[in-house]
N, C-alpha and C. Protein backbone atom coordinates (compact mmCIF):
# COMPACT_ATOMS: atom_id res chain seq x y z
N MET A 1 112.42 3.09 88.32
CA MET A 1 113.36 2.30 87.54
C MET A 1 113.89 1.17 88.42
N PHE A 2 114.06 0.00 87.84
CA PHE A 2 114.55 -1.15 88.57
C PHE A 2 116.06 -1.23 88.48
N PRO A 3 116.73 -1.64 89.55
CA PRO A 3 118.18 -1.77 89.48
C PRO A 3 118.56 -2.93 88.56
N THR A 4 119.65 -2.76 87.83
CA THR A 4 120.12 -3.84 86.95
C THR A 4 121.01 -4.77 87.75
N GLN A 5 121.16 -5.97 87.25
CA GLN A 5 122.01 -6.93 87.92
C GLN A 5 123.24 -7.20 87.08
N SER A 6 123.80 -6.16 86.55
CA SER A 6 124.98 -6.34 85.72
C SER A 6 126.00 -5.25 86.02
N ARG A 7 127.20 -5.49 85.53
CA ARG A 7 128.24 -4.47 85.68
C ARG A 7 127.99 -3.33 84.71
N ARG A 8 127.34 -3.64 83.61
CA ARG A 8 127.10 -2.63 82.59
C ARG A 8 125.60 -2.40 82.50
N GLY A 9 125.21 -1.17 82.46
CA GLY A 9 123.80 -0.84 82.36
C GLY A 9 123.49 -0.27 80.99
N TYR A 10 122.25 -0.34 80.59
CA TYR A 10 121.81 0.15 79.29
C TYR A 10 121.19 1.52 79.45
N ILE A 11 121.52 2.43 78.58
CA ILE A 11 120.95 3.77 78.59
C ILE A 11 119.78 3.76 77.60
N PRO A 12 118.55 4.03 78.06
CA PRO A 12 117.40 4.02 77.14
C PRO A 12 117.63 4.96 75.96
N GLY A 13 117.33 4.46 74.74
CA GLY A 13 117.49 5.27 73.54
C GLY A 13 118.91 5.27 72.99
N ALA A 14 119.83 4.59 73.65
CA ALA A 14 121.23 4.58 73.21
C ALA A 14 121.45 3.48 72.18
N THR A 15 122.56 3.57 71.47
CA THR A 15 122.92 2.52 70.53
C THR A 15 123.47 1.34 71.31
N GLU A 16 123.72 0.21 70.62
CA GLU A 16 124.14 -0.99 71.32
C GLU A 16 125.52 -0.86 71.99
N HIS A 17 126.32 0.13 71.60
CA HIS A 17 127.65 0.28 72.19
C HIS A 17 127.69 1.30 73.32
N GLN A 18 126.58 1.94 73.62
CA GLN A 18 126.55 2.96 74.67
C GLN A 18 126.03 2.36 75.97
N PHE A 19 126.92 1.93 76.80
CA PHE A 19 126.59 1.38 78.11
C PHE A 19 127.28 2.22 79.17
N PHE A 20 126.79 2.17 80.40
CA PHE A 20 127.49 2.84 81.49
C PHE A 20 128.00 1.78 82.45
N GLU A 21 129.07 2.05 83.13
CA GLU A 21 129.66 1.12 84.08
C GLU A 21 129.02 1.30 85.46
N ALA A 22 128.59 0.23 86.06
CA ALA A 22 128.00 0.28 87.41
C ALA A 22 129.12 0.15 88.43
N ALA A 23 128.86 0.58 89.64
CA ALA A 23 129.87 0.55 90.70
C ALA A 23 130.16 -0.88 91.17
N ASP A 24 129.16 -1.76 91.18
CA ASP A 24 129.34 -3.13 91.67
C ASP A 24 129.82 -4.01 90.52
N THR A 25 131.06 -4.47 90.59
CA THR A 25 131.61 -5.28 89.51
C THR A 25 131.51 -6.78 89.80
N SER A 26 130.85 -7.16 90.86
CA SER A 26 130.75 -8.58 91.21
C SER A 26 129.62 -9.28 90.46
N LEU A 27 128.79 -8.52 89.75
CA LEU A 27 127.65 -9.11 89.04
C LEU A 27 128.02 -9.41 87.59
N LEU A 28 127.23 -10.28 86.97
CA LEU A 28 127.49 -10.69 85.59
C LEU A 28 127.15 -9.58 84.59
N PRO A 29 127.80 -9.56 83.42
CA PRO A 29 127.51 -8.52 82.42
C PRO A 29 126.17 -8.80 81.72
N VAL A 30 125.59 -7.75 81.12
CA VAL A 30 124.39 -7.88 80.32
C VAL A 30 124.78 -8.50 78.99
N ILE A 31 124.00 -9.46 78.54
CA ILE A 31 124.27 -10.10 77.26
C ILE A 31 123.13 -9.73 76.31
N PRO A 32 123.41 -8.98 75.25
CA PRO A 32 122.34 -8.62 74.32
C PRO A 32 121.82 -9.86 73.59
N VAL A 33 120.49 -9.99 73.54
CA VAL A 33 119.87 -11.15 72.90
C VAL A 33 118.75 -10.65 72.00
N ASP A 34 118.70 -11.16 70.77
CA ASP A 34 117.62 -10.75 69.87
C ASP A 34 116.41 -11.65 70.11
N ALA A 35 115.24 -11.20 69.67
CA ALA A 35 113.98 -11.90 69.91
C ALA A 35 113.97 -13.30 69.30
N ALA A 36 114.56 -13.48 68.13
CA ALA A 36 114.57 -14.79 67.48
C ALA A 36 115.34 -15.81 68.31
N SER A 37 116.48 -15.39 68.85
CA SER A 37 117.26 -16.30 69.70
C SER A 37 116.50 -16.65 70.97
N LEU A 38 115.82 -15.66 71.53
CA LEU A 38 115.04 -15.88 72.74
C LEU A 38 113.90 -16.87 72.48
N MET A 39 113.24 -16.75 71.34
CA MET A 39 112.16 -17.68 70.98
C MET A 39 112.70 -19.08 70.77
N LEU A 40 113.87 -19.21 70.15
CA LEU A 40 114.47 -20.52 69.93
C LEU A 40 114.78 -21.19 71.27
N VAL A 41 115.38 -20.45 72.19
CA VAL A 41 115.70 -20.99 73.51
C VAL A 41 114.42 -21.37 74.24
N SER A 42 113.39 -20.54 74.11
CA SER A 42 112.10 -20.82 74.75
C SER A 42 111.52 -22.14 74.24
N ARG A 43 111.57 -22.36 72.92
CA ARG A 43 111.06 -23.62 72.35
C ARG A 43 111.88 -24.81 72.81
N GLN A 44 113.19 -24.64 72.91
CA GLN A 44 114.05 -25.73 73.36
C GLN A 44 113.74 -26.08 74.82
N LEU A 45 113.55 -25.06 75.66
CA LEU A 45 113.22 -25.32 77.07
C LEU A 45 111.86 -25.99 77.20
N GLU A 46 110.90 -25.57 76.38
CA GLU A 46 109.58 -26.20 76.39
C GLU A 46 109.68 -27.67 76.00
N SER A 47 110.50 -27.96 75.02
CA SER A 47 110.70 -29.33 74.58
C SER A 47 111.32 -30.18 75.69
N ILE A 48 112.30 -29.62 76.37
CA ILE A 48 112.95 -30.33 77.48
C ILE A 48 111.95 -30.56 78.60
N ALA A 49 111.14 -29.56 78.91
CA ALA A 49 110.15 -29.69 79.98
C ALA A 49 109.14 -30.78 79.65
N LYS A 50 108.73 -30.88 78.40
CA LYS A 50 107.78 -31.91 78.00
C LYS A 50 108.40 -33.30 78.12
N ARG A 51 109.67 -33.41 77.77
CA ARG A 51 110.34 -34.71 77.88
C ARG A 51 110.46 -35.14 79.31
N GLN A 52 110.63 -34.19 80.23
CA GLN A 52 110.85 -34.52 81.62
C GLN A 52 109.57 -34.45 82.45
N ALA A 53 108.43 -34.20 81.80
CA ALA A 53 107.16 -34.15 82.52
C ALA A 53 106.85 -35.55 83.03
N PRO A 54 106.24 -35.64 84.22
CA PRO A 54 105.89 -36.97 84.74
C PRO A 54 104.90 -37.67 83.80
N ARG A 55 105.14 -38.94 83.60
CA ARG A 55 104.30 -39.72 82.69
C ARG A 55 103.77 -40.95 83.40
N ILE A 56 102.69 -41.46 82.86
CA ILE A 56 102.08 -42.68 83.38
C ILE A 56 102.17 -43.73 82.28
N ALA A 57 102.53 -44.93 82.68
CA ALA A 57 102.60 -46.05 81.73
C ALA A 57 101.54 -47.07 82.14
N PHE A 58 100.79 -47.58 81.17
CA PHE A 58 99.78 -48.58 81.46
C PHE A 58 99.57 -49.46 80.23
N LYS A 59 99.09 -50.65 80.51
CA LYS A 59 98.87 -51.62 79.44
C LYS A 59 97.46 -51.46 78.89
N THR A 60 97.37 -51.39 77.59
CA THR A 60 96.08 -51.30 76.93
C THR A 60 96.15 -51.99 75.57
N LYS A 61 95.20 -52.86 75.31
CA LYS A 61 95.09 -53.56 74.02
C LYS A 61 96.41 -54.20 73.60
N GLY A 62 97.08 -54.85 74.51
CA GLY A 62 98.29 -55.60 74.18
C GLY A 62 99.57 -54.80 74.07
N SER A 63 99.52 -53.50 74.33
CA SER A 63 100.75 -52.71 74.30
C SER A 63 100.79 -51.80 75.53
N ILE A 64 101.94 -51.20 75.75
CA ILE A 64 102.10 -50.28 76.88
C ILE A 64 102.08 -48.87 76.33
N LEU A 65 101.17 -48.07 76.86
CA LEU A 65 101.00 -46.70 76.41
C LEU A 65 101.57 -45.75 77.46
N LEU A 66 102.23 -44.69 77.02
CA LEU A 66 102.79 -43.68 77.91
C LEU A 66 102.10 -42.35 77.64
N LEU A 67 101.59 -41.71 78.71
CA LEU A 67 100.94 -40.41 78.59
C LEU A 67 101.52 -39.44 79.60
N ASN A 68 101.60 -38.16 79.22
CA ASN A 68 101.99 -37.14 80.19
C ASN A 68 100.84 -36.98 81.17
N LEU A 69 101.15 -36.91 82.46
CA LEU A 69 100.11 -36.76 83.46
C LEU A 69 99.35 -35.45 83.30
N PHE A 70 100.02 -34.42 82.80
CA PHE A 70 99.37 -33.13 82.59
C PHE A 70 98.20 -33.25 81.62
N ASP A 71 98.28 -34.18 80.67
CA ASP A 71 97.24 -34.34 79.66
C ASP A 71 96.02 -35.11 80.15
N ILE A 72 96.12 -35.73 81.31
CA ILE A 72 94.98 -36.44 81.89
C ILE A 72 94.24 -35.47 82.80
N PHE A 73 92.97 -35.20 82.52
CA PHE A 73 92.25 -34.23 83.33
C PHE A 73 91.43 -34.87 84.43
N ALA A 74 91.13 -36.17 84.33
CA ALA A 74 90.38 -36.83 85.40
C ALA A 74 90.55 -38.34 85.30
N VAL A 75 90.26 -39.01 86.40
CA VAL A 75 90.24 -40.46 86.46
C VAL A 75 88.90 -40.83 87.09
N GLN A 76 88.13 -41.69 86.42
CA GLN A 76 86.82 -42.08 86.91
C GLN A 76 86.75 -43.58 87.12
N ALA A 77 86.04 -43.97 88.18
CA ALA A 77 85.83 -45.40 88.44
C ALA A 77 84.78 -45.93 87.48
N GLU A 78 85.05 -47.11 86.96
CA GLU A 78 84.08 -47.81 86.11
C GLU A 78 84.16 -49.30 86.45
N GLY A 79 83.41 -49.68 87.48
CA GLY A 79 83.43 -51.06 87.94
C GLY A 79 84.79 -51.41 88.53
N ASN A 80 85.41 -52.49 88.05
CA ASN A 80 86.74 -52.90 88.51
C ASN A 80 87.86 -52.17 87.77
N TYR A 81 87.51 -51.20 86.97
CA TYR A 81 88.47 -50.45 86.16
C TYR A 81 88.42 -48.97 86.53
N VAL A 82 89.42 -48.24 86.04
CA VAL A 82 89.37 -46.78 86.08
C VAL A 82 89.52 -46.31 84.64
N SER A 83 88.86 -45.21 84.35
CA SER A 83 88.93 -44.61 83.03
C SER A 83 89.79 -43.36 83.13
N LEU A 84 90.90 -43.34 82.39
CA LEU A 84 91.76 -42.17 82.34
C LEU A 84 91.18 -41.23 81.29
N GLN A 85 90.70 -40.06 81.74
CA GLN A 85 90.08 -39.09 80.84
C GLN A 85 91.17 -38.24 80.21
N HIS A 86 91.42 -38.48 78.95
CA HIS A 86 92.52 -37.85 78.20
C HIS A 86 91.95 -37.43 76.87
N ARG A 87 92.12 -36.18 76.52
CA ARG A 87 91.57 -35.73 75.24
C ARG A 87 92.45 -36.22 74.12
N PRO A 88 91.97 -36.76 73.10
CA PRO A 88 90.58 -36.98 72.73
C PRO A 88 90.07 -38.36 73.11
N HIS A 89 90.87 -39.16 73.80
CA HIS A 89 90.49 -40.54 74.11
C HIS A 89 90.31 -40.72 75.61
N ARG A 90 89.76 -41.85 75.96
CA ARG A 90 89.76 -42.29 77.36
C ARG A 90 90.26 -43.74 77.35
N TYR A 91 90.97 -44.08 78.40
CA TYR A 91 91.60 -45.39 78.45
C TYR A 91 91.17 -46.12 79.71
N LEU A 92 90.79 -47.38 79.57
CA LEU A 92 90.41 -48.20 80.72
C LEU A 92 91.63 -48.95 81.24
N VAL A 93 91.83 -48.88 82.55
CA VAL A 93 92.95 -49.55 83.20
C VAL A 93 92.40 -50.39 84.35
N HIS A 94 92.88 -51.62 84.47
CA HIS A 94 92.41 -52.50 85.54
C HIS A 94 93.12 -52.14 86.85
N GLU A 95 92.49 -51.26 87.62
CA GLU A 95 93.07 -50.77 88.88
C GLU A 95 91.93 -50.14 89.67
N SER A 96 92.03 -50.15 90.99
CA SER A 96 90.99 -49.50 91.80
C SER A 96 91.22 -47.99 91.83
N LEU A 97 90.14 -47.25 92.02
CA LEU A 97 90.25 -45.79 92.07
C LEU A 97 91.05 -45.35 93.28
N SER A 98 90.87 -46.01 94.44
CA SER A 98 91.64 -45.58 95.62
C SER A 98 93.13 -45.80 95.42
N SER A 99 93.51 -46.86 94.74
CA SER A 99 94.92 -47.11 94.45
C SER A 99 95.46 -46.04 93.49
N MET A 100 94.69 -45.72 92.46
CA MET A 100 95.12 -44.69 91.51
C MET A 100 95.20 -43.32 92.19
N ALA A 101 94.24 -43.01 93.07
CA ALA A 101 94.23 -41.72 93.77
C ALA A 101 95.50 -41.57 94.60
N GLU A 102 95.91 -42.62 95.29
CA GLU A 102 97.14 -42.56 96.10
C GLU A 102 98.37 -42.39 95.23
N LYS A 103 98.42 -43.10 94.11
CA LYS A 103 99.58 -43.01 93.21
C LYS A 103 99.68 -41.64 92.54
N LEU A 104 98.52 -41.03 92.24
CA LEU A 104 98.51 -39.76 91.51
C LEU A 104 98.56 -38.54 92.42
N LYS A 105 98.33 -38.71 93.71
CA LYS A 105 98.30 -37.57 94.64
C LYS A 105 99.58 -36.72 94.59
N PRO A 106 100.77 -37.32 94.57
CA PRO A 106 101.99 -36.49 94.51
C PRO A 106 102.13 -35.69 93.22
N TYR A 107 101.33 -36.00 92.21
CA TYR A 107 101.42 -35.33 90.92
C TYR A 107 100.30 -34.32 90.71
N GLY A 108 99.59 -33.94 91.78
CA GLY A 108 98.59 -32.89 91.69
C GLY A 108 97.19 -33.35 91.37
N PHE A 109 96.84 -34.55 91.72
CA PHE A 109 95.48 -35.05 91.53
C PHE A 109 94.79 -35.10 92.89
N ILE A 110 93.51 -34.71 92.92
CA ILE A 110 92.74 -34.75 94.17
C ILE A 110 91.44 -35.52 93.96
N ARG A 111 90.99 -36.14 95.03
CA ARG A 111 89.72 -36.87 95.01
C ARG A 111 88.61 -35.87 95.28
N ILE A 112 87.57 -35.89 94.44
CA ILE A 112 86.44 -34.97 94.62
C ILE A 112 85.12 -35.70 94.80
N HIS A 113 85.12 -37.01 94.57
CA HIS A 113 83.91 -37.82 94.63
C HIS A 113 84.37 -39.25 94.86
N ARG A 114 83.48 -40.09 95.33
CA ARG A 114 83.90 -41.48 95.56
C ARG A 114 84.30 -42.19 94.28
N SER A 115 83.91 -41.61 93.13
CA SER A 115 84.27 -42.25 91.86
C SER A 115 85.06 -41.35 90.92
N VAL A 116 85.59 -40.19 91.43
CA VAL A 116 86.31 -39.27 90.54
C VAL A 116 87.53 -38.66 91.23
N VAL A 117 88.63 -38.63 90.49
CA VAL A 117 89.86 -37.94 90.88
C VAL A 117 90.16 -36.97 89.73
N VAL A 118 90.53 -35.71 90.05
CA VAL A 118 90.83 -34.75 88.99
C VAL A 118 92.24 -34.20 89.11
N ASN A 119 92.77 -33.76 87.98
CA ASN A 119 94.07 -33.11 87.91
C ASN A 119 93.85 -31.64 88.25
N VAL A 120 94.47 -31.14 89.32
CA VAL A 120 94.24 -29.75 89.75
C VAL A 120 94.65 -28.74 88.67
N SER A 121 95.62 -29.08 87.84
CA SER A 121 96.05 -28.15 86.79
C SER A 121 95.02 -28.05 85.66
N ALA A 122 94.05 -28.96 85.62
CA ALA A 122 93.02 -28.93 84.58
C ALA A 122 91.76 -28.20 85.03
N VAL A 123 91.65 -27.88 86.32
CA VAL A 123 90.45 -27.25 86.84
C VAL A 123 90.40 -25.79 86.43
N GLU A 124 89.27 -25.38 85.85
CA GLU A 124 89.10 -24.00 85.40
C GLU A 124 88.12 -23.21 86.25
N GLU A 125 87.14 -23.90 86.85
CA GLU A 125 86.11 -23.17 87.59
C GLU A 125 85.49 -24.07 88.66
N VAL A 126 85.12 -23.46 89.78
CA VAL A 126 84.41 -24.15 90.86
C VAL A 126 83.19 -23.32 91.21
N GLN A 127 82.02 -23.96 91.22
CA GLN A 127 80.78 -23.26 91.56
C GLN A 127 80.15 -23.91 92.78
N PRO A 128 79.88 -23.13 93.84
CA PRO A 128 79.17 -23.70 95.00
C PRO A 128 77.70 -23.95 94.64
N LEU A 129 77.15 -25.02 95.17
CA LEU A 129 75.74 -25.35 94.96
C LEU A 129 74.98 -25.17 96.27
N PRO A 130 73.68 -24.95 96.23
CA PRO A 130 72.91 -24.74 97.45
C PRO A 130 72.91 -25.96 98.39
N THR A 131 73.25 -27.11 97.89
CA THR A 131 73.24 -28.34 98.69
C THR A 131 74.49 -28.50 99.56
N GLY A 132 75.47 -27.58 99.41
CA GLY A 132 76.74 -27.72 100.12
C GLY A 132 77.78 -28.44 99.28
N GLU A 133 77.39 -28.87 98.10
CA GLU A 133 78.32 -29.51 97.18
C GLU A 133 78.83 -28.45 96.22
N TYR A 134 79.74 -28.85 95.33
CA TYR A 134 80.31 -27.92 94.35
C TYR A 134 80.28 -28.55 92.98
N ARG A 135 80.22 -27.71 91.96
CA ARG A 135 80.37 -28.16 90.58
C ARG A 135 81.72 -27.68 90.11
N LEU A 136 82.49 -28.59 89.55
CA LEU A 136 83.86 -28.29 89.13
C LEU A 136 83.94 -28.48 87.62
N ARG A 137 84.49 -27.51 86.91
CA ARG A 137 84.66 -27.60 85.46
C ARG A 137 86.14 -27.70 85.13
N VAL A 138 86.49 -28.66 84.28
CA VAL A 138 87.88 -28.84 83.86
C VAL A 138 88.03 -28.37 82.42
N ARG A 139 89.27 -28.25 81.96
CA ARG A 139 89.50 -27.82 80.57
C ARG A 139 88.77 -28.79 79.63
N GLY A 140 88.23 -28.23 78.59
CA GLY A 140 87.42 -29.02 77.68
C GLY A 140 85.94 -28.93 78.00
N GLY A 141 85.58 -28.35 79.16
CA GLY A 141 84.18 -28.12 79.50
C GLY A 141 83.49 -29.21 80.32
N LYS A 142 84.14 -30.32 80.54
CA LYS A 142 83.53 -31.41 81.32
C LYS A 142 83.33 -30.95 82.76
N GLU A 143 82.16 -31.28 83.34
CA GLU A 143 81.85 -30.89 84.71
C GLU A 143 81.71 -32.11 85.60
N TYR A 144 82.14 -31.94 86.85
CA TYR A 144 82.06 -33.00 87.85
C TYR A 144 81.45 -32.44 89.13
N LEU A 145 80.80 -33.31 89.88
CA LEU A 145 80.23 -32.93 91.16
C LEU A 145 81.24 -33.20 92.26
N VAL A 146 81.45 -32.21 93.12
CA VAL A 146 82.32 -32.37 94.29
C VAL A 146 81.39 -32.59 95.48
N THR A 147 81.43 -33.78 96.06
CA THR A 147 80.53 -34.07 97.18
C THR A 147 81.06 -33.47 98.48
N ARG A 148 80.18 -33.35 99.46
CA ARG A 148 80.56 -32.75 100.74
C ARG A 148 81.68 -33.52 101.42
N THR A 149 81.74 -34.82 101.22
CA THR A 149 82.79 -35.64 101.84
C THR A 149 84.18 -35.21 101.39
N TYR A 150 84.31 -34.78 100.12
CA TYR A 150 85.61 -34.47 99.55
C TYR A 150 85.84 -32.98 99.31
N LYS A 151 84.90 -32.11 99.74
CA LYS A 151 85.05 -30.69 99.43
C LYS A 151 86.27 -30.05 100.08
N HIS A 152 86.76 -30.61 101.18
CA HIS A 152 87.97 -30.07 101.82
C HIS A 152 89.19 -30.16 100.89
N ASN A 153 89.17 -31.09 99.94
CA ASN A 153 90.28 -31.23 98.99
C ASN A 153 90.37 -30.07 98.01
N LEU A 154 89.30 -29.29 97.88
CA LEU A 154 89.31 -28.16 96.95
C LEU A 154 90.33 -27.11 97.35
N ARG A 155 90.71 -27.08 98.61
CA ARG A 155 91.72 -26.11 99.05
C ARG A 155 93.05 -26.32 98.33
N ASP A 156 93.28 -27.53 97.82
CA ASP A 156 94.53 -27.83 97.12
C ASP A 156 94.54 -27.32 95.68
N LEU A 157 93.44 -26.72 95.22
CA LEU A 157 93.38 -26.24 93.84
C LEU A 157 94.27 -25.03 93.61
N ALA A 158 94.51 -24.24 94.66
CA ALA A 158 95.34 -23.04 94.50
C ALA A 158 96.16 -22.82 95.75
N GLN A 159 97.31 -22.17 95.59
CA GLN A 159 98.17 -21.86 96.72
C GLN A 159 97.72 -20.58 97.41
N LEU A 160 96.98 -19.74 96.70
CA LEU A 160 96.55 -18.46 97.24
C LEU A 160 95.09 -18.25 96.86
N TRP A 161 94.27 -17.97 97.85
CA TRP A 161 92.85 -17.68 97.62
C TRP A 161 92.63 -16.21 97.96
N VAL A 162 92.03 -15.47 97.03
CA VAL A 162 91.80 -14.04 97.22
C VAL A 162 90.30 -13.78 97.02
N GLY A 163 89.73 -12.97 97.91
CA GLY A 163 88.33 -12.59 97.78
C GLY A 163 87.33 -13.64 98.17
N THR A 164 87.76 -14.67 98.87
CA THR A 164 86.85 -15.70 99.35
C THR A 164 87.04 -15.85 100.85
N ASP A 165 86.02 -15.50 101.60
CA ASP A 165 86.10 -15.62 103.05
C ASP A 165 86.06 -17.08 103.48
N ARG A 166 85.13 -17.82 102.85
CA ARG A 166 84.98 -19.22 103.23
C ARG A 166 84.90 -20.06 101.97
N LEU A 167 85.88 -20.81 101.70
CA LEU A 167 85.80 -21.78 100.61
C LEU A 167 85.81 -23.15 101.24
N CYS A 168 84.91 -23.95 100.82
CA CYS A 168 84.87 -25.33 101.29
C CYS A 168 84.70 -25.40 102.80
N GLY A 169 84.06 -24.47 103.40
CA GLY A 169 83.95 -24.51 104.85
C GLY A 169 82.58 -24.50 105.28
């Protein structure tokens, strides 16, 4: 059984008025909450989180478009432009890939190829290839090649690696 963090504890199987007093009175009381209220608060917090999610603003077709960075799964070089890979659309922005990679790095994007930057939160699978390169799959099923030059960046995909003796090494 886990210790409670309240002055009042709940007795399993008891009615809502049957509580026991704990010895430590410096902690906050238990507040009974029904599932509907919990779901409402959860939706409100999700809404707040979406509003405060980092966004990117860029000019396209005469207007300025704002997108949540979480919704962009990759950025690809296309000549003097970069293509923001966003489901269901892709957007061309007049910017170099190296400039975009530097701007997006603090938001969880890593370079995996000389022409591709991916959002680490969109990566679902990494497969090693016999050539020393890797195949990376992002949400939606799109696959990208991770070249040997950038394979060290794969370590940033997770904070904890389990069951892998050598990744990217």
